[in-house]
């Protein structure tokens, strides 16, 4: 039980290697974790695989990112406002005091600018089309990831069933001999 798990964890931490793993496995076997596995249906195996597969989760995130890019491509860029101030020196000395050294006696050059991006030559349409193609491509990769995962789970399930049947046949052969 719990004492066995704590002891095997201590052995694993202290000694490491095969001795720790052996203690952990013997604890699992003694506590009943090494029981006969429950029967798993193909539908249940698919459900678990589709919920936990990293490739499928990454493909879903890729679709979400492509959809976000499509939304961004539809938006018109905001104008940019900038303000800059620089001190103008009259006598080429940065600390000149001829006009006074207070803030109000100094000369400054102030620049206020507003800029707006205008897309010409079909760039806006091309950006929208590119974003739409990105969504289509991401959705296709998601469908392909689902197909590949479903095929892999089905193959593994069939292989497990065949292995189980082989074990039954071999057990019968051993019993008859």
C-alpha atoms as a PDB file:
ATOM      1  CA  UNK A   1       0.000   0.000   0.000  1.00  0.00           C
ATOM      2  CA  UNK A   2       1.124   3.506   0.872  1.00  0.00           C
ATOM      3  CA  UNK A   3       4.053   2.380   3.031  1.00  0.00           C
ATOM      4  CA  UNK A   4       5.341   0.232   0.204  1.00  0.00           C
ATOM      5  CA  UNK A   5       5.103   3.168  -2.238  1.00  0.00           C
ATOM      6  CA  UNK A   6       6.983   5.470   0.158  1.00  0.00           C
ATOM      7  CA  UNK A   7       9.665   2.819   0.697  1.00  0.00           C
ATOM      8  CA  UNK A   8      10.118   2.186  -3.020  1.00  0.00           C
ATOM      9  CA  UNK A   9      10.226   5.924  -3.710  1.00  0.00           C
ATOM     10  CA  UNK A  10      12.944   6.255  -1.047  1.00  0.00           C
ATOM     11  CA  UNK A  11      14.882   3.344  -2.560  1.00  0.00           C
ATOM     12  CA  UNK A  12      14.545   4.841  -6.035  1.00  0.00           C
ATOM     13  CA  UNK A  13      15.769   8.250  -4.830  1.00  0.00           C
ATOM     14  CA  UNK A  14      18.608   6.864  -2.711  1.00  0.00           C
ATOM     15  CA  UNK A  15      19.972   4.129  -4.951  1.00  0.00           C
ATOM     16  CA  UNK A  16      18.469   4.898  -8.330  1.00  0.00           C
ATOM     17  CA  UNK A  17      18.964   2.512 -11.214  1.00  0.00           C
ATOM     18  CA  UNK A  18      17.548  -0.979 -11.391  1.00  0.00           C
ATOM     19  CA  UNK A  19      17.255  -1.485  -7.612  1.00  0.00           C
ATOM     20  CA  UNK A  20      14.830   1.416  -7.233  1.00  0.00           C
ATOM     21  CA  UNK A  21      12.787   0.342 -10.214  1.00  0.00           C
ATOM     22  CA  UNK A  22      12.664  -3.228  -8.954  1.00  0.00           C
ATOM     23  CA  UNK A  23      11.347  -2.008  -5.584  1.00  0.00           C
ATOM     24  CA  UNK A  24       8.697   0.124  -7.309  1.00  0.00           C
ATOM     25  CA  UNK A  25       7.550  -2.747  -9.551  1.00  0.00           C
ATOM     26  CA  UNK A  26       7.373  -5.220  -6.686  1.00  0.00           C
ATOM     27  CA  UNK A  27       5.314  -2.722  -4.721  1.00  0.00           C
ATOM     28  CA  UNK A  28       2.900  -2.318  -7.637  1.00  0.00           C
ATOM     29  CA  UNK A  29       2.553  -6.066  -8.019  1.00  0.00           C
ATOM     30  CA  UNK A  30       1.964  -6.530  -4.277  1.00  0.00           C
ATOM     31  CA  UNK A  31      -0.629  -3.774  -4.096  1.00  0.00           C
ATOM     32  CA  UNK A  32      -2.836  -5.250  -6.810  1.00  0.00           C
ATOM     33  CA  UNK A  33      -2.018  -2.866  -9.647  1.00  0.00           C
ATOM     34  CA  UNK A  34      -0.856  -5.753 -11.775  1.00  0.00           C
ATOM     35  CA  UNK A  35      -4.379  -7.084 -12.177  1.00  0.00           C
ATOM     36  CA  UNK A  36      -5.932  -8.300 -15.378  1.00  0.00           C
ATOM     37  CA  UNK A  37      -6.421  -5.262 -17.644  1.00  0.00           C
ATOM     38  CA  UNK A  38      -9.988  -4.272 -18.364  1.00  0.00           C
ATOM     39  CA  UNK A  39     -11.432  -4.735 -21.828  1.00  0.00           C
ATOM     40  CA  UNK A  40     -11.157  -1.548 -23.894  1.00  0.00           C
ATOM     41  CA  UNK A  41     -13.511  -1.038 -26.809  1.00  0.00           C
ATOM     42  CA  UNK A  42     -12.355   0.496 -30.072  1.00  0.00           C
ATOM     43  CA  UNK A  43     -14.628   3.501 -29.521  1.00  0.00           C
ATOM     44  CA  UNK A  44     -13.137   4.061 -26.039  1.00  0.00           C
ATOM     45  CA  UNK A  45      -9.592   3.748 -27.408  1.00  0.00           C
ATOM     46  CA  UNK A  46     -10.377   6.303 -30.113  1.00  0.00           C
ATOM     47  CA  UNK A  47     -11.955   8.675 -27.577  1.00  0.00           C
ATOM     48  CA  UNK A  48      -8.901   8.537 -25.319  1.00  0.00           C
ATOM     49  CA  UNK A  49      -6.500   8.930 -28.238  1.00  0.00           C
ATOM     50  CA  UNK A  50      -8.363  11.914 -29.674  1.00  0.00           C
ATOM     51  CA  UNK A  51      -8.475  13.605 -26.270  1.00  0.00           C
ATOM     52  CA  UNK A  52      -4.768  13.153 -25.438  1.00  0.00           C
ATOM     53  CA  UNK A  53      -2.790  13.096 -28.681  1.00  0.00           C
ATOM     54  CA  UNK A  54      -0.241  15.909 -28.874  1.00  0.00           C
ATOM     55  CA  UNK A  55      -0.179  16.042 -32.673  1.00  0.00           C
ATOM     56  CA  UNK A  56      -3.929  16.499 -32.795  1.00  0.00           C
ATOM     57  CA  UNK A  57      -3.862  19.154 -30.082  1.00  0.00           C
ATOM     58  CA  UNK A  58      -1.103  21.012 -31.945  1.00  0.00           C
ATOM     59  CA  UNK A  59      -3.121  20.881 -35.176  1.00  0.00           C
ATOM     60  CA  UNK A  60      -6.130  22.357 -33.337  1.00  0.00           C
ATOM     61  CA  UNK A  61      -3.960  25.202 -32.027  1.00  0.00           C
ATOM     62  CA  UNK A  62      -2.662  25.739 -35.568  1.00  0.00           C
ATOM     63  CA  UNK A  63      -6.253  26.163 -36.803  1.00  0.00           C
ATOM     64  CA  UNK A  64      -6.982  28.650 -34.022  1.00  0.00           C
ATOM     65  CA  UNK A  65      -3.860  30.651 -34.899  1.00  0.00           C
ATOM     66  CA  UNK A  66      -4.842  30.693 -38.577  1.00  0.00           C
ATOM     67  CA  UNK A  67      -8.340  31.915 -37.673  1.00  0.00           C
ATOM     68  CA  UNK A  68      -6.809  34.691 -35.562  1.00  0.00           C
ATOM     69  CA  UNK A  69      -4.581  35.666 -38.487  1.00  0.00           C
ATOM     70  CA  UNK A  70      -7.661  35.786 -40.729  1.00  0.00           C
ATOM     71  CA  UNK A  71      -9.365  38.187 -38.303  1.00  0.00           C
ATOM     72  CA  UNK A  72      -6.251  40.364 -38.173  1.00  0.00           C
ATOM     73  CA  UNK A  73      -6.039  40.442 -41.971  1.00  0.00           C
ATOM     74  CA  UNK A  74      -9.570  41.837 -42.202  1.00  0.00           C
ATOM     75  CA  UNK A  75      -8.782  44.718 -39.857  1.00  0.00           C
ATOM     76  CA  UNK A  76      -7.600  48.082 -41.124  1.00  0.00           C
ATOM     77  CA  UNK A  77      -4.363  49.185 -39.417  1.00  0.00           C
ATOM     78  CA  UNK A  78      -4.699  51.956 -36.851  1.00  0.00           C
ATOM     79  CA  UNK A  79      -2.966  55.305 -37.395  1.00  0.00           C
ATOM     80  CA  UNK A  80       0.237  55.909 -35.453  1.00  0.00           C
ATOM     81  CA  UNK A  81       0.813  59.076 -33.426  1.00  0.00           C
ATOM     82  CA  UNK A  82       4.338  60.110 -32.482  1.00  0.00           C
ATOM     83  CA  UNK A  83       5.851  63.086 -30.664  1.00  0.00           C
ATOM     84  CA  UNK A  84       9.533  63.877 -30.461  1.00  0.00           C
ATOM     85  CA  UNK A  85      11.388  66.737 -28.824  1.00  0.00           C
ATOM     86  CA  UNK A  86      15.023  67.705 -29.327  1.00  0.00           C
ATOM     87  CA  UNK A  87      17.081  70.565 -27.905  1.00  0.00           C
ATOM     88  CA  UNK A  88      18.551  72.970 -30.403  1.00  0.00           C
ATOM     89  CA  UNK A  89      21.940  74.365 -29.463  1.00  0.00           C
ATOM     90  CA  UNK A  90      22.711  77.883 -30.713  1.00  0.00           C
ATOM     91  CA  UNK A  91      26.468  77.863 -30.214  1.00  0.00           C
ATOM     92  CA  UNK A  92      27.290  74.172 -30.773  1.00  0.00           C
ATOM     93  CA  UNK A  93      27.877  73.600 -27.046  1.00  0.00           C
ATOM     94  CA  UNK A  94      25.477  71.184 -25.380  1.00  0.00           C
ATOM     95  CA  UNK A  95      25.492  73.116 -22.087  1.00  0.00           C
ATOM     96  CA  UNK A  96      25.278  76.624 -23.509  1.00  0.00           C
ATOM     97  CA  UNK A  97      24.080  79.268 -21.078  1.00  0.00           C
ATOM     98  CA  UNK A  98      23.888  82.272 -23.416  1.00  0.00           C
ATOM     99  CA  UNK A  99      20.120  82.066 -23.671  1.00  0.00           C
ATOM    100  CA  UNK A 100      19.720  80.877 -20.085  1.00  0.00           C
ATOM    101  CA  UNK A 101      19.707  77.373 -18.726  1.00  0.00           C
ATOM    102  CA  UNK A 102      16.096  77.008 -17.555  1.00  0.00           C
ATOM    103  CA  UNK A 103      13.641  74.904 -19.472  1.00  0.00           C
ATOM    104  CA  UNK A 104      11.732  77.944 -20.703  1.00  0.00           C
ATOM    105  CA  UNK A 105      14.878  79.697 -21.962  1.00  0.00           C
ATOM    106  CA  UNK A 106      16.091  76.789 -24.077  1.00  0.00           C
ATOM    107  CA  UNK A 107      15.171  76.251 -27.702  1.00  0.00           C
ATOM    108  CA  UNK A 108      13.439  73.007 -28.603  1.00  0.00           C
ATOM    109  CA  UNK A 109      12.374  71.400 -31.850  1.00  0.00           C
ATOM    110  CA  UNK A 110       9.039  69.585 -31.382  1.00  0.00           C
ATOM    111  CA  UNK A 111       7.684  67.185 -33.988  1.00  0.00           C
ATOM    112  CA  UNK A 112       4.153  65.778 -33.916  1.00  0.00           C
ATOM    113  CA  UNK A 113       3.416  63.157 -36.587  1.00  0.00           C
ATOM    114  CA  UNK A 114       0.412  61.048 -37.503  1.00  0.00           C
ATOM    115  CA  UNK A 115       1.025  58.215 -39.960  1.00  0.00           C
ATOM    116  CA  UNK A 116      -1.458  55.881 -41.615  1.00  0.00           C
ATOM    117  CA  UNK A 117      -0.659  52.782 -43.649  1.00  0.00           C
ATOM    118  CA  UNK A 118      -2.407  52.631 -47.015  1.00  0.00           C
ATOM    119  CA  UNK A 119      -2.143  49.361 -48.893  1.00  0.00           C
ATOM    120  CA  UNK A 120      -2.089  49.842 -52.625  1.00  0.00           C
ATOM    121  CA  UNK A 121      -1.593  47.534 -55.547  1.00  0.00           C
ATOM    122  CA  UNK A 122      -3.882  44.798 -54.218  1.00  0.00           C
ATOM    123  CA  UNK A 123      -1.803  44.117 -51.104  1.00  0.00           C
ATOM    124  CA  UNK A 124      -4.842  44.175 -48.820  1.00  0.00           C
ATOM    125  CA  UNK A 125      -6.663  41.629 -50.966  1.00  0.00           C
ATOM    126  CA  UNK A 126      -3.553  39.467 -51.157  1.00  0.00           C
ATOM    127  CA  UNK A 127      -3.169  39.611 -47.355  1.00  0.00           C
ATOM    128  CA  UNK A 128      -6.793  38.521 -46.892  1.00  0.00           C
ATOM    129  CA  UNK A 129      -6.440  35.737 -49.453  1.00  0.00           C
ATOM    130  CA  UNK A 130      -3.246  34.546 -47.797  1.00  0.00           C
ATOM    131  CA  UNK A 131      -4.923  34.422 -44.387  1.00  0.00           C
ATOM    132  CA  UNK A 132      -7.862  32.474 -45.835  1.00  0.00           C
ATOM    133  CA  UNK A 133      -5.467  30.009 -47.475  1.00  0.00           C
ATOM    134  CA  UNK A 134      -3.723  29.627 -44.110  1.00  0.00           C
ATOM    135  CA  UNK A 135      -7.037  28.669 -42.488  1.00  0.00           C
ATOM    136  CA  UNK A 136      -7.826  26.183 -45.243  1.00  0.00           C
ATOM    137  CA  UNK A 137      -4.354  24.627 -44.930  1.00  0.00           C
ATOM    138  CA  UNK A 138      -4.554  24.396 -41.131  1.00  0.00           C
ATOM    139  CA  UNK A 139      -7.984  22.747 -41.295  1.00  0.00           C
ATOM    140  CA  UNK A 140      -6.659  20.257 -43.864  1.00  0.00           C
ATOM    141  CA  UNK A 141      -3.716  19.412 -41.575  1.00  0.00           C
ATOM    142  CA  UNK A 142      -6.150  18.904 -38.677  1.00  0.00           C
ATOM    143  CA  UNK A 143      -8.294  16.528 -40.765  1.00  0.00           C
ATOM    144  CA  UNK A 144      -5.169  14.638 -41.838  1.00  0.00           C
ATOM    145  CA  UNK A 145      -3.941  14.390 -38.236  1.00  0.00           C
ATOM    146  CA  UNK A 146      -7.341  12.972 -37.225  1.00  0.00           C
ATOM    147  CA  UNK A 147      -7.253  10.487 -40.092  1.00  0.00           C
ATOM    148  CA  UNK A 148      -3.728   9.317 -39.272  1.00  0.00           C
ATOM    149  CA  UNK A 149      -4.535   9.016 -35.563  1.00  0.00           C
ATOM    150  CA  UNK A 150      -7.735   7.093 -36.232  1.00  0.00           C
ATOM    151  CA  UNK A 151      -5.882   4.744 -38.561  1.00  0.00           C
ATOM    152  CA  UNK A 152      -3.101   4.205 -36.026  1.00  0.00           C
ATOM    153  CA  UNK A 153      -5.503   3.503 -33.158  1.00  0.00           C
ATOM    154  CA  UNK A 154      -7.508   1.090 -35.278  1.00  0.00           C
ATOM    155  CA  UNK A 155      -4.381  -0.773 -36.396  1.00  0.00           C
ATOM    156  CA  UNK A 156      -3.082  -1.011 -32.828  1.00  0.00           C
ATOM    157  CA  UNK A 157      -6.475  -2.207 -31.562  1.00  0.00           C
ATOM    158  CA  UNK A 158      -6.681  -4.897 -34.247  1.00  0.00           C
ATOM    159  CA  UNK A 159      -3.096  -5.972 -33.504  1.00  0.00           C
ATOM    160  CA  UNK A 160      -3.952  -6.249 -29.788  1.00  0.00           C
ATOM    161  CA  UNK A 161      -7.032  -8.355 -30.578  1.00  0.00           C
ATOM    162  CA  UNK A 162      -4.978 -10.619 -32.813  1.00  0.00           C
ATOM    163  CA  UNK A 163      -2.304 -10.969 -30.126  1.00  0.00           C
ATOM    164  CA  UNK A 164      -4.971 -11.842 -27.564  1.00  0.00           C
ATOM    165  CA  UNK A 165      -6.444 -14.480 -29.894  1.00  0.00           C
ATOM    166  CA  UNK A 166      -2.943 -15.860 -30.533  1.00  0.00           C
ATOM    167  CA  UNK A 167      -2.425 -16.212 -26.787  1.00  0.00           C
ATOM    168  CA  UNK A 168      -5.731 -18.100 -26.467  1.00  0.00           C
ATOM    169  CA  UNK A 169      -4.772 -20.439 -29.321  1.00  0.00           C
ATOM    170  CA  UNK A 170      -1.321 -21.055 -27.859  1.00  0.00           C
ATOM    171  CA  UNK A 171      -2.827 -21.732 -24.413  1.00  0.00           C
ATOM    172  CA  UNK A 172      -5.177 -24.284 -25.991  1.00  0.00           C
ATOM    173  CA  UNK A 173      -2.240 -25.861 -27.835  1.00  0.00           C
ATOM    174  CA  UNK A 174      -0.234 -26.108 -24.620  1.00  0.00           C
ATOM    175  CA  UNK A 175      -3.190 -27.621 -22.797  1.00  0.00           C
ATOM    176  CA  UNK A 176      -3.723 -30.226 -25.507  1.00  0.00           C
ATOM    177  CA  UNK A 177      -0.051 -31.229 -25.555  1.00  0.00           C
END
